[in-house]
Each structure stands twice: as structure tokens, then as C-alpha cells.
Amino acid sequence: MIQVCQGCSGTLYAVATKDGAASLPTWKVDHDHTPPACPLRPLLPLEGTAAHIQELPHAEHVLTHPA
């Protein structure tokens, strides 16, 4: 799934890792190449444990909505 930054329309990468004992994956979302003019740079990277990428803190401000 490709994610796009709402601030600069740049491509974001998303990595989810799951510890065998953990019930939810741990996410990290950031720009592939951080544009210097992205107004959302202070919010990135998005990191945390969540069932879905859209549940991360600040995801509603950074990620475009799924089609």
C-alpha cells in the first residue's frame, strides 16, 4: 500500500514489525526522501503500536485517506 503525505504529496514508506508476543504491529511511517518544504515535517516519523496505520497518532493529519 502506497501512502502519500497530505502536506507535500510526497511518497511515504510504512514499515510494520510484529514481535511474536505482541498482539499489534509496531509501525514507522516517514517520507522516502524528506522534501525540505513539507509543512508536516515536525509530525514525522509517525511511530507507534496500532492495528492499522490510520490509527497512529497524527495519521489523520499526515496520511491521505484511503480511496
Protein backbone atom coordinates (compact mmCIF):
# COMPACT_ATOMS: atom_id res chain seq x y z
CA MET A 1 0.00 0.00 0.00
CA ILE A 2 1.44 3.36 -1.04
CA GLN A 3 0.91 6.22 1.37
CA VAL A 4 1.04 9.88 0.34
CA CYS A 5 1.79 12.87 2.58
CA GLN A 6 -1.03 15.42 2.80
CA GLY A 7 1.47 18.23 3.34
CA CYS A 8 3.66 17.84 0.25
CA SER A 9 2.16 14.93 -1.78
CA GLY A 10 5.44 13.08 -1.30
CA THR A 11 5.62 9.30 -1.07
CA LEU A 12 5.79 7.82 2.41
CA TYR A 13 7.13 4.43 3.40
CA ALA A 14 5.43 2.35 6.06
CA VAL A 15 7.11 -0.47 7.97
CA ALA A 16 5.25 -2.73 10.37
CA THR A 17 7.04 -5.15 12.65
CA LYS A 18 5.43 -7.64 14.93
CA ASP A 19 7.02 -9.26 17.95
CA GLY A 20 5.85 -12.82 18.40
CA ALA A 21 4.35 -11.97 21.81
CA ALA A 22 2.79 -8.67 20.75
CA SER A 23 -0.78 -8.66 19.52
CA LEU A 24 -0.42 -5.46 17.45
CA PRO A 25 2.29 -4.42 14.99
CA THR A 26 4.68 -1.54 15.67
CA TRP A 27 4.65 0.99 12.81
CA LYS A 28 7.07 3.54 11.45
CA VAL A 29 5.95 5.87 8.64
CA ASP A 30 8.15 8.56 7.10
CA HIS A 31 9.00 10.25 3.80
CA ASP A 32 11.06 8.25 1.32
CA HIS A 33 13.02 11.45 0.72
CA THR A 34 12.01 14.29 3.02
CA PRO A 35 11.24 17.40 0.98
CA PRO A 36 12.64 20.49 2.71
CA ALA A 37 9.38 22.40 2.19
CA CYS A 38 6.97 19.82 3.67
CA PRO A 39 4.89 21.63 6.31
CA LEU A 40 4.28 18.34 8.15
CA ARG A 41 7.95 17.51 8.76
CA PRO A 42 7.59 18.11 12.53
CA LEU A 43 4.96 15.32 12.74
CA LEU A 44 7.13 12.68 11.07
CA PRO A 45 8.06 9.97 11.53
CA LEU A 46 4.76 8.52 12.71
CA GLU A 47 5.56 5.74 15.14
CA GLY A 48 3.54 3.54 17.43
CA THR A 49 1.66 0.34 18.00
CA ALA A 50 -1.69 0.06 16.25
CA ALA A 51 -3.87 -2.46 14.44
CA HIS A 52 -3.95 -0.24 11.35
CA ILE A 53 -1.72 2.53 10.03
CA GLN A 54 -4.61 5.04 10.15
CA GLU A 55 -4.74 4.60 13.97
CA LEU A 56 -1.27 6.08 14.57
CA PRO A 57 -1.03 9.45 16.33
CA HIS A 58 -1.32 12.33 13.80
CA ALA A 59 -2.14 9.91 10.94
CA GLU A 60 -5.28 11.88 10.12
CA HIS A 61 -3.12 14.97 9.51
CA VAL A 62 -0.32 13.28 7.57
CA LEU A 63 -1.72 10.37 5.55
CA THR A 64 -4.07 10.79 2.64
CA HIS A 65 -7.37 9.00 3.14
CA PRO A 66 -7.74 5.55 1.59
CA ALA A 67 -9.54 5.54 -1.75
